[in-house]
């Protein structure tokens, strides 16, 4: 009887680790994106200064709207029922960031590819926490 309980407990913990890994990875991505959205919504000086350097408008209203959009899309990603839609939209958002940094000839590994790193973590977190995505993309 105790052997059955031990085997059930180990099977249960073995099936939970991917979900918790995905939640942790997704949580880190969400924290980075919420911080970025908050900086845009607050229209911090660093946002407008950076915007001018990369050839975007310095209008605080534009950055507030972009921050609110990023916050809404991040909320879609955080909510389990809409996480796949949020991941798709965030991939497009991050692709725009990569394209902007590439156009400005920013440093490759620190600036240009940061959106790619975040996108890989975003999809990795979703892959671990959602069995439907694991079935759709059977890696490993």
C-alpha atoms as a PDB file:
ATOM      1  CA  UNK A   1       0.000   0.000   0.000  1.00  0.00           C
ATOM      2  CA  UNK A   2       2.762   2.466   0.862  1.00  0.00           C
ATOM      3  CA  UNK A   3       4.555   1.601  -2.396  1.00  0.00           C
ATOM      4  CA  UNK A   4       1.455   2.637  -4.372  1.00  0.00           C
ATOM      5  CA  UNK A   5       1.264   5.924  -2.445  1.00  0.00           C
ATOM      6  CA  UNK A   6       4.964   6.570  -3.087  1.00  0.00           C
ATOM      7  CA  UNK A   7       4.610   5.851  -6.791  1.00  0.00           C
ATOM      8  CA  UNK A   8       1.514   8.097  -7.035  1.00  0.00           C
ATOM      9  CA  UNK A   9       3.346  10.913  -5.232  1.00  0.00           C
ATOM     10  CA  UNK A  10       6.377  10.649  -7.510  1.00  0.00           C
ATOM     11  CA  UNK A  11       4.175  10.576 -10.630  1.00  0.00           C
ATOM     12  CA  UNK A  12       2.281  13.609  -9.372  1.00  0.00           C
ATOM     13  CA  UNK A  13       5.447  15.582  -8.645  1.00  0.00           C
ATOM     14  CA  UNK A  14       6.915  14.526 -12.006  1.00  0.00           C
ATOM     15  CA  UNK A  15       3.884  15.920 -13.808  1.00  0.00           C
ATOM     16  CA  UNK A  16       3.889  19.193 -11.843  1.00  0.00           C
ATOM     17  CA  UNK A  17       7.483  20.292 -12.461  1.00  0.00           C
ATOM     18  CA  UNK A  18       6.887  21.393 -16.076  1.00  0.00           C
ATOM     19  CA  UNK A  19       3.914  23.497 -15.021  1.00  0.00           C
ATOM     20  CA  UNK A  20       5.879  25.197 -12.235  1.00  0.00           C
ATOM     21  CA  UNK A  21       8.876  25.696 -14.500  1.00  0.00           C
ATOM     22  CA  UNK A  22       6.583  27.315 -17.055  1.00  0.00           C
ATOM     23  CA  UNK A  23       4.959  29.507 -14.450  1.00  0.00           C
ATOM     24  CA  UNK A  24       8.345  30.678 -13.180  1.00  0.00           C
ATOM     25  CA  UNK A  25       9.657  31.390 -16.691  1.00  0.00           C
ATOM     26  CA  UNK A  26       6.428  33.118 -17.709  1.00  0.00           C
ATOM     27  CA  UNK A  27       6.473  35.095 -14.467  1.00  0.00           C
ATOM     28  CA  UNK A  28       9.925  36.466 -15.242  1.00  0.00           C
ATOM     29  CA  UNK A  29       8.819  37.466 -18.746  1.00  0.00           C
ATOM     30  CA  UNK A  30       5.678  39.093 -17.363  1.00  0.00           C
ATOM     31  CA  UNK A  31       7.725  41.056 -14.806  1.00  0.00           C
ATOM     32  CA  UNK A  32      10.041  42.410 -17.521  1.00  0.00           C
ATOM     33  CA  UNK A  33       7.118  43.367 -19.754  1.00  0.00           C
ATOM     34  CA  UNK A  34       5.124  45.000 -16.943  1.00  0.00           C
ATOM     35  CA  UNK A  35       8.222  46.985 -15.954  1.00  0.00           C
ATOM     36  CA  UNK A  36       8.669  48.092 -19.579  1.00  0.00           C
ATOM     37  CA  UNK A  37       4.989  49.005 -19.875  1.00  0.00           C
ATOM     38  CA  UNK A  38       5.133  50.919 -16.586  1.00  0.00           C
ATOM     39  CA  UNK A  39       8.103  52.944 -17.767  1.00  0.00           C
ATOM     40  CA  UNK A  40       6.229  53.830 -20.945  1.00  0.00           C
ATOM     41  CA  UNK A  41       2.981  54.689 -19.131  1.00  0.00           C
ATOM     42  CA  UNK A  42       4.852  56.880 -16.636  1.00  0.00           C
ATOM     43  CA  UNK A  43       6.576  58.585 -19.581  1.00  0.00           C
ATOM     44  CA  UNK A  44       9.912  58.495 -17.805  1.00  0.00           C
ATOM     45  CA  UNK A  45      12.594  60.751 -19.291  1.00  0.00           C
ATOM     46  CA  UNK A  46      14.684  57.726 -20.267  1.00  0.00           C
ATOM     47  CA  UNK A  47      11.848  56.584 -22.544  1.00  0.00           C
ATOM     48  CA  UNK A  48      11.608  59.842 -24.469  1.00  0.00           C
ATOM     49  CA  UNK A  49      15.396  60.235 -24.641  1.00  0.00           C
ATOM     50  CA  UNK A  50      15.810  56.709 -25.968  1.00  0.00           C
ATOM     51  CA  UNK A  51      12.938  57.211 -28.394  1.00  0.00           C
ATOM     52  CA  UNK A  52      14.625  60.190 -30.004  1.00  0.00           C
ATOM     53  CA  UNK A  53      17.911  58.277 -30.286  1.00  0.00           C
ATOM     54  CA  UNK A  54      16.241  55.382 -32.133  1.00  0.00           C
ATOM     55  CA  UNK A  55      14.217  57.576 -34.434  1.00  0.00           C
ATOM     56  CA  UNK A  56      10.786  57.355 -32.786  1.00  0.00           C
ATOM     57  CA  UNK A  57       8.593  60.193 -31.575  1.00  0.00           C
ATOM     58  CA  UNK A  58       9.198  61.677 -28.119  1.00  0.00           C
ATOM     59  CA  UNK A  59       5.463  62.366 -27.624  1.00  0.00           C
ATOM     60  CA  UNK A  60       4.558  61.113 -24.116  1.00  0.00           C
ATOM     61  CA  UNK A  61       0.989  60.359 -25.267  1.00  0.00           C
ATOM     62  CA  UNK A  62       2.304  57.928 -27.870  1.00  0.00           C
ATOM     63  CA  UNK A  63       4.431  56.120 -25.290  1.00  0.00           C
ATOM     64  CA  UNK A  64       1.587  55.970 -22.777  1.00  0.00           C
ATOM     65  CA  UNK A  65      -0.648  54.407 -25.420  1.00  0.00           C
ATOM     66  CA  UNK A  66       2.085  51.929 -26.372  1.00  0.00           C
ATOM     67  CA  UNK A  67       2.609  51.088 -22.689  1.00  0.00           C
ATOM     68  CA  UNK A  68      -1.115  50.468 -22.208  1.00  0.00           C
ATOM     69  CA  UNK A  69      -1.153  48.258 -25.311  1.00  0.00           C
ATOM     70  CA  UNK A  70       1.823  46.285 -24.002  1.00  0.00           C
ATOM     71  CA  UNK A  71       0.141  45.935 -20.613  1.00  0.00           C
ATOM     72  CA  UNK A  72      -3.069  44.641 -22.216  1.00  0.00           C
ATOM     73  CA  UNK A  73      -1.221  42.119 -24.379  1.00  0.00           C
ATOM     74  CA  UNK A  74       0.845  40.990 -21.377  1.00  0.00           C
ATOM     75  CA  UNK A  75      -2.396  40.455 -19.441  1.00  0.00           C
ATOM     76  CA  UNK A  76      -3.625  38.236 -22.294  1.00  0.00           C
ATOM     77  CA  UNK A  77      -0.419  36.212 -21.987  1.00  0.00           C
ATOM     78  CA  UNK A  78      -0.732  35.940 -18.197  1.00  0.00           C
ATOM     79  CA  UNK A  79      -4.338  34.690 -18.334  1.00  0.00           C
ATOM     80  CA  UNK A  80      -4.296  30.926 -19.048  1.00  0.00           C
ATOM     81  CA  UNK A  81      -7.293  30.913 -21.419  1.00  0.00           C
ATOM     82  CA  UNK A  82      -5.817  33.621 -23.665  1.00  0.00           C
ATOM     83  CA  UNK A  83      -2.109  32.866 -23.167  1.00  0.00           C
ATOM     84  CA  UNK A  84      -1.551  31.590 -26.727  1.00  0.00           C
ATOM     85  CA  UNK A  85      -3.116  34.718 -28.249  1.00  0.00           C
ATOM     86  CA  UNK A  86      -1.028  36.877 -25.910  1.00  0.00           C
ATOM     87  CA  UNK A  87       2.131  34.991 -26.903  1.00  0.00           C
ATOM     88  CA  UNK A  88       1.417  35.535 -30.598  1.00  0.00           C
ATOM     89  CA  UNK A  89       0.776  39.263 -30.110  1.00  0.00           C
ATOM     90  CA  UNK A  90       3.822  39.675 -27.872  1.00  0.00           C
ATOM     91  CA  UNK A  91       5.948  37.942 -30.494  1.00  0.00           C
ATOM     92  CA  UNK A  92       4.894  40.618 -32.982  1.00  0.00           C
ATOM     93  CA  UNK A  93       5.556  43.377 -30.448  1.00  0.00           C
ATOM     94  CA  UNK A  94       9.019  42.018 -29.686  1.00  0.00           C
ATOM     95  CA  UNK A  95       9.704  41.606 -33.402  1.00  0.00           C
ATOM     96  CA  UNK A  96       9.125  45.333 -33.808  1.00  0.00           C
ATOM     97  CA  UNK A  97      11.642  46.020 -31.049  1.00  0.00           C
ATOM     98  CA  UNK A  98      14.206  43.751 -32.711  1.00  0.00           C
ATOM     99  CA  UNK A  99      13.637  45.447 -36.079  1.00  0.00           C
ATOM    100  CA  UNK A 100      14.068  48.890 -34.527  1.00  0.00           C
ATOM    101  CA  UNK A 101      17.343  47.959 -32.844  1.00  0.00           C
ATOM    102  CA  UNK A 102      18.578  46.254 -35.996  1.00  0.00           C
ATOM    103  CA  UNK A 103      17.787  49.376 -38.039  1.00  0.00           C
ATOM    104  CA  UNK A 104      19.776  51.494 -35.603  1.00  0.00           C
ATOM    105  CA  UNK A 105      22.770  49.110 -35.722  1.00  0.00           C
ATOM    106  CA  UNK A 106      22.626  48.693 -31.942  1.00  0.00           C
ATOM    107  CA  UNK A 107      24.874  46.076 -30.316  1.00  0.00           C
ATOM    108  CA  UNK A 108      23.719  42.648 -31.464  1.00  0.00           C
ATOM    109  CA  UNK A 109      23.786  40.487 -28.341  1.00  0.00           C
ATOM    110  CA  UNK A 110      22.726  43.051 -25.741  1.00  0.00           C
ATOM    111  CA  UNK A 111      20.166  45.214 -27.554  1.00  0.00           C
ATOM    112  CA  UNK A 112      19.087  43.753 -30.871  1.00  0.00           C
ATOM    113  CA  UNK A 113      18.625  40.153 -29.760  1.00  0.00           C
ATOM    114  CA  UNK A 114      17.084  40.973 -26.364  1.00  0.00           C
ATOM    115  CA  UNK A 115      13.612  40.715 -27.900  1.00  0.00           C
ATOM    116  CA  UNK A 116      14.538  37.302 -29.284  1.00  0.00           C
ATOM    117  CA  UNK A 117      15.739  36.135 -25.860  1.00  0.00           C
ATOM    118  CA  UNK A 118      12.516  37.373 -24.309  1.00  0.00           C
ATOM    119  CA  UNK A 119      10.460  35.697 -27.036  1.00  0.00           C
ATOM    120  CA  UNK A 120      12.199  32.356 -26.496  1.00  0.00           C
ATOM    121  CA  UNK A 121      11.552  32.616 -22.746  1.00  0.00           C
ATOM    122  CA  UNK A 122       7.950  33.647 -23.429  1.00  0.00           C
ATOM    123  CA  UNK A 123       7.241  30.637 -25.662  1.00  0.00           C
ATOM    124  CA  UNK A 124       9.289  28.326 -23.428  1.00  0.00           C
ATOM    125  CA  UNK A 125       7.229  29.335 -20.417  1.00  0.00           C
ATOM    126  CA  UNK A 126       4.014  28.768 -22.330  1.00  0.00           C
ATOM    127  CA  UNK A 127       5.266  25.416 -23.634  1.00  0.00           C
ATOM    128  CA  UNK A 128       6.000  24.209 -20.100  1.00  0.00           C
ATOM    129  CA  UNK A 129       2.791  25.475 -18.504  1.00  0.00           C
ATOM    130  CA  UNK A 130       0.293  24.524 -21.224  1.00  0.00           C
ATOM    131  CA  UNK A 131      -0.088  20.898 -22.304  1.00  0.00           C
ATOM    132  CA  UNK A 132      -1.901  21.968 -25.486  1.00  0.00           C
ATOM    133  CA  UNK A 133       1.154  23.888 -26.648  1.00  0.00           C
ATOM    134  CA  UNK A 134       3.383  20.908 -25.788  1.00  0.00           C
ATOM    135  CA  UNK A 135       1.176  18.710 -27.978  1.00  0.00           C
ATOM    136  CA  UNK A 136       1.187  21.289 -30.755  1.00  0.00           C
ATOM    137  CA  UNK A 137       4.994  21.693 -30.618  1.00  0.00           C
ATOM    138  CA  UNK A 138       6.350  18.291 -29.507  1.00  0.00           C
ATOM    139  CA  UNK A 139       9.962  19.227 -28.757  1.00  0.00           C
ATOM    140  CA  UNK A 140      12.078  16.522 -27.154  1.00  0.00           C
END
